[in-house]
């Protein structure tokens, strides 16, 4: 148990250092471009949420808070589309190698049915959005629904933060940043756990789906 505690603390410290680096980009003349890049990367591969940069940018120039929220939203949605493509062209062939096509289709039908809710919840909360972007592409869910859910959820999240920071300033920053390090740790843990659960789900469908008549 102490080993696990030490490991979590180490991950927390490393992510804390990475968060500090991301926050430092707010002082860069091209901070808005950095925000776009972080938002884009976080939707598929990067572990630090773009909030780490959105917060100091909004505090430094509150009159541009909603502009930063828009940049963050666009970058995140485009990054989500890239994650979808990564899953579609990378994860989909892998699934076909590991499982029969009808087994993957059985899981994909359930995923497609609840995709709008799943993507919306992941885009709005600390759940790892990248898990749903990559797996959404891997299971071939409808891209239009995926995109609309992403725009609505990510936009609501980032514009709500911008509004709080614009109106309440440093008090809102304290609330958001207080838990940011541990939220980043949760991102990593939930991401790994989520892929494990998805793997088990595909395996279960493979066992439960009756063989085809062929």
C-alpha atoms as a PDB file:
ATOM      1  CA  UNK A   1       0.000   0.000   0.000  1.00  0.00           C
ATOM      2  CA  UNK A   2       2.841   2.418   0.803  1.00  0.00           C
ATOM      3  CA  UNK A   3       4.377   1.649  -2.603  1.00  0.00           C
ATOM      4  CA  UNK A   4       1.123   2.620  -4.317  1.00  0.00           C
ATOM      5  CA  UNK A   5       0.926   5.788  -2.232  1.00  0.00           C
ATOM      6  CA  UNK A   6       4.503   6.715  -3.161  1.00  0.00           C
ATOM      7  CA  UNK A   7       3.776   6.021  -6.827  1.00  0.00           C
ATOM      8  CA  UNK A   8       0.685   8.237  -6.807  1.00  0.00           C
ATOM      9  CA  UNK A   9       2.649  10.984  -5.075  1.00  0.00           C
ATOM     10  CA  UNK A  10       5.420  10.712  -7.684  1.00  0.00           C
ATOM     11  CA  UNK A  11       2.887  10.934 -10.506  1.00  0.00           C
ATOM     12  CA  UNK A  12       1.270  13.876  -8.728  1.00  0.00           C
ATOM     13  CA  UNK A  13       4.637  15.669  -8.459  1.00  0.00           C
ATOM     14  CA  UNK A  14       5.547  15.033 -12.086  1.00  0.00           C
ATOM     15  CA  UNK A  15       2.194  16.230 -13.324  1.00  0.00           C
ATOM     16  CA  UNK A  16       2.481  19.214 -10.999  1.00  0.00           C
ATOM     17  CA  UNK A  17       5.728  20.185 -12.705  1.00  0.00           C
ATOM     18  CA  UNK A  18       4.086  19.750 -16.098  1.00  0.00           C
ATOM     19  CA  UNK A  19       1.134  21.891 -15.005  1.00  0.00           C
ATOM     20  CA  UNK A  20       3.559  24.598 -13.838  1.00  0.00           C
ATOM     21  CA  UNK A  21       5.188  24.567 -17.287  1.00  0.00           C
ATOM     22  CA  UNK A  22       1.803  24.839 -18.992  1.00  0.00           C
ATOM     23  CA  UNK A  23       0.831  27.737 -16.709  1.00  0.00           C
ATOM     24  CA  UNK A  24       4.090  29.521 -17.517  1.00  0.00           C
ATOM     25  CA  UNK A  25       3.055  29.662 -21.180  1.00  0.00           C
ATOM     26  CA  UNK A  26       0.526  32.345 -20.214  1.00  0.00           C
ATOM     27  CA  UNK A  27       3.392  34.831 -19.974  1.00  0.00           C
ATOM     28  CA  UNK A  28       4.515  34.023 -23.527  1.00  0.00           C
ATOM     29  CA  UNK A  29       3.545  36.488 -26.274  1.00  0.00           C
ATOM     30  CA  UNK A  30       1.942  33.607 -28.171  1.00  0.00           C
ATOM     31  CA  UNK A  31      -0.007  32.336 -25.175  1.00  0.00           C
ATOM     32  CA  UNK A  32      -3.239  32.087 -27.168  1.00  0.00           C
ATOM     33  CA  UNK A  33      -1.545  29.826 -29.724  1.00  0.00           C
ATOM     34  CA  UNK A  34      -0.134  27.755 -26.886  1.00  0.00           C
ATOM     35  CA  UNK A  35      -3.682  27.451 -25.500  1.00  0.00           C
ATOM     36  CA  UNK A  36      -4.888  26.178 -28.863  1.00  0.00           C
ATOM     37  CA  UNK A  37      -2.033  23.642 -29.050  1.00  0.00           C
ATOM     38  CA  UNK A  38      -2.568  22.372 -25.488  1.00  0.00           C
ATOM     39  CA  UNK A  39      -6.322  22.108 -26.034  1.00  0.00           C
ATOM     40  CA  UNK A  40      -5.770  20.200 -29.263  1.00  0.00           C
ATOM     41  CA  UNK A  41      -3.217  17.780 -27.792  1.00  0.00           C
ATOM     42  CA  UNK A  42      -5.162  17.140 -24.577  1.00  0.00           C
ATOM     43  CA  UNK A  43      -8.091  15.739 -26.549  1.00  0.00           C
ATOM     44  CA  UNK A  44      -6.035  12.773 -27.736  1.00  0.00           C
ATOM     45  CA  UNK A  45      -2.642  12.363 -26.034  1.00  0.00           C
ATOM     46  CA  UNK A  46      -1.637  15.141 -23.592  1.00  0.00           C
ATOM     47  CA  UNK A  47      -2.439  14.490 -19.877  1.00  0.00           C
ATOM     48  CA  UNK A  48      -2.834  18.087 -18.663  1.00  0.00           C
ATOM     49  CA  UNK A  49      -6.250  19.730 -19.116  1.00  0.00           C
ATOM     50  CA  UNK A  50      -6.184  23.069 -20.976  1.00  0.00           C
ATOM     51  CA  UNK A  51      -7.771  24.712 -17.923  1.00  0.00           C
ATOM     52  CA  UNK A  52      -4.227  25.023 -16.529  1.00  0.00           C
ATOM     53  CA  UNK A  53      -3.467  27.609 -19.219  1.00  0.00           C
ATOM     54  CA  UNK A  54      -6.975  28.993 -19.686  1.00  0.00           C
ATOM     55  CA  UNK A  55      -7.104  30.196 -16.063  1.00  0.00           C
ATOM     56  CA  UNK A  56      -3.968  32.405 -16.035  1.00  0.00           C
ATOM     57  CA  UNK A  57      -4.722  33.756 -19.502  1.00  0.00           C
ATOM     58  CA  UNK A  58      -8.228  34.821 -18.431  1.00  0.00           C
ATOM     59  CA  UNK A  59      -6.887  36.390 -15.228  1.00  0.00           C
ATOM     60  CA  UNK A  60      -4.146  38.234 -17.102  1.00  0.00           C
ATOM     61  CA  UNK A  61      -6.551  39.671 -19.662  1.00  0.00           C
ATOM     62  CA  UNK A  62     -10.128  39.327 -18.333  1.00  0.00           C
ATOM     63  CA  UNK A  63     -11.484  41.370 -21.242  1.00  0.00           C
ATOM     64  CA  UNK A  64     -10.385  38.498 -23.522  1.00  0.00           C
ATOM     65  CA  UNK A  65     -11.751  35.699 -21.312  1.00  0.00           C
ATOM     66  CA  UNK A  66     -14.449  34.642 -23.762  1.00  0.00           C
ATOM     67  CA  UNK A  67     -12.002  34.835 -26.657  1.00  0.00           C
ATOM     68  CA  UNK A  68      -9.706  32.439 -24.807  1.00  0.00           C
ATOM     69  CA  UNK A  69     -12.673  30.155 -24.112  1.00  0.00           C
ATOM     70  CA  UNK A  70     -13.467  30.111 -27.831  1.00  0.00           C
ATOM     71  CA  UNK A  71      -9.851  29.272 -28.711  1.00  0.00           C
ATOM     72  CA  UNK A  72      -9.868  26.525 -26.100  1.00  0.00           C
ATOM     73  CA  UNK A  73     -13.135  25.084 -27.414  1.00  0.00           C
ATOM     74  CA  UNK A  74     -12.066  25.093 -31.068  1.00  0.00           C
ATOM     75  CA  UNK A  75      -8.703  23.529 -30.257  1.00  0.00           C
ATOM     76  CA  UNK A  76     -10.293  20.881 -28.065  1.00  0.00           C
ATOM     77  CA  UNK A  77     -12.967  19.913 -30.603  1.00  0.00           C
ATOM     78  CA  UNK A  78     -10.434  19.724 -33.440  1.00  0.00           C
ATOM     79  CA  UNK A  79      -8.162  17.661 -31.196  1.00  0.00           C
ATOM     80  CA  UNK A  80     -11.116  15.422 -30.426  1.00  0.00           C
ATOM     81  CA  UNK A  81     -11.658  14.933 -34.149  1.00  0.00           C
ATOM     82  CA  UNK A  82      -7.979  13.989 -34.456  1.00  0.00           C
ATOM     83  CA  UNK A  83      -8.404  11.526 -31.590  1.00  0.00           C
ATOM     84  CA  UNK A  84     -11.424  10.083 -33.383  1.00  0.00           C
ATOM     85  CA  UNK A  85      -9.286   9.651 -36.502  1.00  0.00           C
ATOM     86  CA  UNK A  86      -6.534   8.035 -34.465  1.00  0.00           C
ATOM     87  CA  UNK A  87      -9.023   5.509 -33.131  1.00  0.00           C
ATOM     88  CA  UNK A  88     -10.668   4.971 -36.516  1.00  0.00           C
ATOM     89  CA  UNK A  89      -7.508   4.358 -38.511  1.00  0.00           C
ATOM     90  CA  UNK A  90      -5.399   2.889 -35.716  1.00  0.00           C
ATOM     91  CA  UNK A  91      -7.707   1.272 -33.178  1.00  0.00           C
ATOM     92  CA  UNK A  92     -10.239  -0.099 -35.650  1.00  0.00           C
ATOM     93  CA  UNK A  93      -7.748  -2.332 -37.536  1.00  0.00           C
ATOM     94  CA  UNK A  94      -6.434  -3.552 -34.175  1.00  0.00           C
ATOM     95  CA  UNK A  95      -9.937  -4.520 -33.040  1.00  0.00           C
ATOM     96  CA  UNK A  96     -10.504  -6.391 -36.278  1.00  0.00           C
ATOM     97  CA  UNK A  97      -7.301  -8.346 -35.722  1.00  0.00           C
ATOM     98  CA  UNK A  98      -8.243  -9.303 -32.173  1.00  0.00           C
ATOM     99  CA  UNK A  99     -11.984  -9.982 -32.572  1.00  0.00           C
ATOM    100  CA  UNK A 100     -14.404 -11.117 -35.246  1.00  0.00           C
ATOM    101  CA  UNK A 101     -16.178  -8.320 -37.119  1.00  0.00           C
ATOM    102  CA  UNK A 102     -19.636  -9.154 -35.753  1.00  0.00           C
ATOM    103  CA  UNK A 103     -18.314  -9.033 -32.179  1.00  0.00           C
ATOM    104  CA  UNK A 104     -16.906  -5.544 -32.680  1.00  0.00           C
ATOM    105  CA  UNK A 105     -20.158  -4.492 -34.386  1.00  0.00           C
ATOM    106  CA  UNK A 106     -22.158  -5.709 -31.359  1.00  0.00           C
ATOM    107  CA  UNK A 107     -20.154  -3.481 -28.997  1.00  0.00           C
ATOM    108  CA  UNK A 108     -20.163  -0.598 -31.488  1.00  0.00           C
ATOM    109  CA  UNK A 109     -23.973  -0.636 -31.641  1.00  0.00           C
ATOM    110  CA  UNK A 110     -24.186  -0.068 -27.874  1.00  0.00           C
ATOM    111  CA  UNK A 111     -21.466   2.554 -27.974  1.00  0.00           C
ATOM    112  CA  UNK A 112     -23.188   4.370 -30.818  1.00  0.00           C
ATOM    113  CA  UNK A 113     -26.502   4.340 -28.935  1.00  0.00           C
ATOM    114  CA  UNK A 114     -25.079   6.195 -25.926  1.00  0.00           C
ATOM    115  CA  UNK A 115     -22.273   8.091 -27.638  1.00  0.00           C
ATOM    116  CA  UNK A 116     -23.813  11.565 -27.414  1.00  0.00           C
ATOM    117  CA  UNK A 117     -24.268  11.208 -23.650  1.00  0.00           C
ATOM    118  CA  UNK A 118     -20.873   9.610 -23.115  1.00  0.00           C
ATOM    119  CA  UNK A 119     -19.032  12.236 -25.163  1.00  0.00           C
ATOM    120  CA  UNK A 120     -20.979  15.068 -23.552  1.00  0.00           C
ATOM    121  CA  UNK A 121     -20.261  13.880 -20.013  1.00  0.00           C
ATOM    122  CA  UNK A 122     -16.578  13.342 -20.790  1.00  0.00           C
ATOM    123  CA  UNK A 123     -16.290  16.748 -22.455  1.00  0.00           C
ATOM    124  CA  UNK A 124     -17.903  18.551 -19.550  1.00  0.00           C
ATOM    125  CA  UNK A 125     -16.338  16.777 -16.560  1.00  0.00           C
ATOM    126  CA  UNK A 126     -12.856  15.648 -15.442  1.00  0.00           C
ATOM    127  CA  UNK A 127     -13.468  12.268 -17.120  1.00  0.00           C
ATOM    128  CA  UNK A 128     -10.728  11.692 -19.722  1.00  0.00           C
ATOM    129  CA  UNK A 129     -12.190  13.128 -22.925  1.00  0.00           C
ATOM    130  CA  UNK A 130      -9.448  11.449 -24.950  1.00  0.00           C
ATOM    131  CA  UNK A 131     -10.785   8.020 -23.990  1.00  0.00           C
ATOM    132  CA  UNK A 132     -14.073   8.797 -25.731  1.00  0.00           C
ATOM    133  CA  UNK A 133     -12.507  10.471 -28.757  1.00  0.00           C
ATOM    134  CA  UNK A 134     -10.190   7.536 -29.515  1.00  0.00           C
ATOM    135  CA  UNK A 135     -12.657   4.768 -28.669  1.00  0.00           C
ATOM    136  CA  UNK A 136     -15.399   6.612 -30.572  1.00  0.00           C
ATOM    137  CA  UNK A 137     -13.304   6.359 -33.725  1.00  0.00           C
ATOM    138  CA  UNK A 138     -12.285   2.773 -32.996  1.00  0.00           C
ATOM    139  CA  UNK A 139     -15.914   1.682 -32.744  1.00  0.00           C
ATOM    140  CA  UNK A 140     -16.957   3.785 -35.735  1.00  0.00           C
ATOM    141  CA  UNK A 141     -19.722   5.771 -34.043  1.00  0.00           C
ATOM    142  CA  UNK A 142     -21.452   8.507 -36.042  1.00  0.00           C
ATOM    143  CA  UNK A 143     -19.046  11.384 -36.416  1.00  0.00           C
ATOM    144  CA  UNK A 144     -21.764  14.050 -36.671  1.00  0.00           C
ATOM    145  CA  UNK A 145     -23.230  13.169 -33.262  1.00  0.00           C
ATOM    146  CA  UNK A 146     -19.743  12.950 -31.799  1.00  0.00           C
ATOM    147  CA  UNK A 147     -18.875  16.409 -33.129  1.00  0.00           C
ATOM    148  CA  UNK A 148     -22.062  18.114 -31.905  1.00  0.00           C
ATOM    149  CA  UNK A 149     -21.727  16.567 -28.418  1.00  0.00           C
ATOM    150  CA  UNK A 150     -18.088  17.681 -28.305  1.00  0.00           C
ATOM    151  CA  UNK A 151     -18.855  21.281 -29.302  1.00  0.00           C
ATOM    152  CA  UNK A 152     -21.686  21.621 -26.783  1.00  0.00           C
ATOM    153  CA  UNK A 153     -19.923  19.991 -23.828  1.00  0.00           C
ATOM    154  CA  UNK A 154     -16.482  21.505 -24.327  1.00  0.00           C
ATOM    155  CA  UNK A 155     -17.947  24.921 -25.094  1.00  0.00           C
ATOM    156  CA  UNK A 156     -20.118  24.855 -21.984  1.00  0.00           C
ATOM    157  CA  UNK A 157     -17.198  23.846 -19.794  1.00  0.00           C
ATOM    158  CA  UNK A 158     -14.685  26.412 -21.035  1.00  0.00           C
ATOM    159  CA  UNK A 159     -17.113  29.329 -21.377  1.00  0.00           C
ATOM    160  CA  UNK A 160     -18.439  28.649 -17.862  1.00  0.00           C
ATOM    161  CA  UNK A 161     -14.886  28.812 -16.514  1.00  0.00           C
ATOM    162  CA  UNK A 162     -14.212  31.996 -18.491  1.00  0.00           C
ATOM    163  CA  UNK A 163     -17.374  33.578 -17.087  1.00  0.00           C
ATOM    164  CA  UNK A 164     -16.395  32.725 -13.514  1.00  0.00           C
ATOM    165  CA  UNK A 165     -12.881  34.072 -14.009  1.00  0.00           C
ATOM    166  CA  UNK A 166     -14.159  37.208 -15.750  1.00  0.00           C
ATOM    167  CA  UNK A 167     -16.593  38.051 -12.955  1.00  0.00           C
ATOM    168  CA  UNK A 168     -14.884  36.668  -9.824  1.00  0.00           C
ATOM    169  CA  UNK A 169     -11.210  36.778 -10.774  1.00  0.00           C
ATOM    170  CA  UNK A 170      -8.753  35.292  -8.309  1.00  0.00           C
ATOM    171  CA  UNK A 171     -11.465  33.734  -6.130  1.00  0.00           C
ATOM    172  CA  UNK A 172     -12.519  31.570  -9.076  1.00  0.00           C
ATOM    173  CA  UNK A 173      -8.872  30.738  -9.797  1.00  0.00           C
ATOM    174  CA  UNK A 174      -8.383  29.381  -6.272  1.00  0.00           C
ATOM    175  CA  UNK A 175     -11.396  27.119  -6.667  1.00  0.00           C
ATOM    176  CA  UNK A 176     -10.304  25.786 -10.055  1.00  0.00           C
ATOM    177  CA  UNK A 177      -6.587  25.394  -9.358  1.00  0.00           C
ATOM    178  CA  UNK A 178      -6.995  23.938  -5.862  1.00  0.00           C
ATOM    179  CA  UNK A 179      -7.728  20.507  -7.273  1.00  0.00           C
ATOM    180  CA  UNK A 180      -6.001  20.744 -10.660  1.00  0.00           C
ATOM    181  CA  UNK A 181      -3.009  18.531  -9.793  1.00  0.00           C
ATOM    182  CA  UNK A 182      -5.181  15.714  -8.502  1.00  0.00           C
ATOM    183  CA  UNK A 183      -7.584  16.128 -11.404  1.00  0.00           C
ATOM    184  CA  UNK A 184      -4.631  15.534 -13.730  1.00  0.00           C
ATOM    185  CA  UNK A 185      -3.709  12.385 -11.776  1.00  0.00           C
ATOM    186  CA  UNK A 186      -7.326  11.269 -12.047  1.00  0.00           C
ATOM    187  CA  UNK A 187      -7.163  11.883 -15.816  1.00  0.00           C
ATOM    188  CA  UNK A 188      -4.285   9.397 -16.125  1.00  0.00           C
ATOM    189  CA  UNK A 189      -5.821   6.778 -13.826  1.00  0.00           C
ATOM    190  CA  UNK A 190      -9.279   7.019 -15.394  1.00  0.00           C
ATOM    191  CA  UNK A 191      -7.776   6.881 -18.875  1.00  0.00           C
ATOM    192  CA  UNK A 192      -5.960   3.617 -18.144  1.00  0.00           C
ATOM    193  CA  UNK A 193      -8.971   2.206 -16.302  1.00  0.00           C
ATOM    194  CA  UNK A 194     -11.287   3.224 -19.125  1.00  0.00           C
ATOM    195  CA  UNK A 195      -9.266   1.437 -21.787  1.00  0.00           C
ATOM    196  CA  UNK A 196      -9.148  -1.641 -19.547  1.00  0.00           C
ATOM    197  CA  UNK A 197     -12.944  -1.572 -19.157  1.00  0.00           C
ATOM    198  CA  UNK A 198     -13.403  -1.138 -22.919  1.00  0.00           C
ATOM    199  CA  UNK A 199     -11.113  -4.099 -23.542  1.00  0.00           C
ATOM    200  CA  UNK A 200     -13.158  -6.232 -21.165  1.00  0.00           C
ATOM    201  CA  UNK A 201     -16.350  -5.050 -22.832  1.00  0.00           C
ATOM    202  CA  UNK A 202     -15.170  -6.172 -26.246  1.00  0.00           C
ATOM    203  CA  UNK A 203     -14.041  -9.478 -24.787  1.00  0.00           C
ATOM    204  CA  UNK A 204     -17.410  -9.998 -23.094  1.00  0.00           C
ATOM    205  CA  UNK A 205     -19.246  -9.254 -26.334  1.00  0.00           C
ATOM    206  CA  UNK A 206     -17.015 -11.788 -28.063  1.00  0.00           C
ATOM    207  CA  UNK A 207     -18.085 -14.429 -25.545  1.00  0.00           C
ATOM    208  CA  UNK A 208     -21.779 -13.547 -25.419  1.00  0.00           C
ATOM    209  CA  UNK A 209     -22.545 -12.886 -29.087  1.00  0.00           C
ATOM    210  CA  UNK A 210     -23.691 -16.160 -30.699  1.00  0.00           C
ATOM    211  CA  UNK A 211     -21.690 -17.330 -33.708  1.00  0.00           C
ATOM    212  CA  UNK A 212     -22.996 -16.329 -37.114  1.00  0.00           C
ATOM    213  CA  UNK A 213     -24.793 -18.779 -39.337  1.00  0.00           C
ATOM    214  CA  UNK A 214     -21.765 -18.829 -41.603  1.00  0.00           C
END
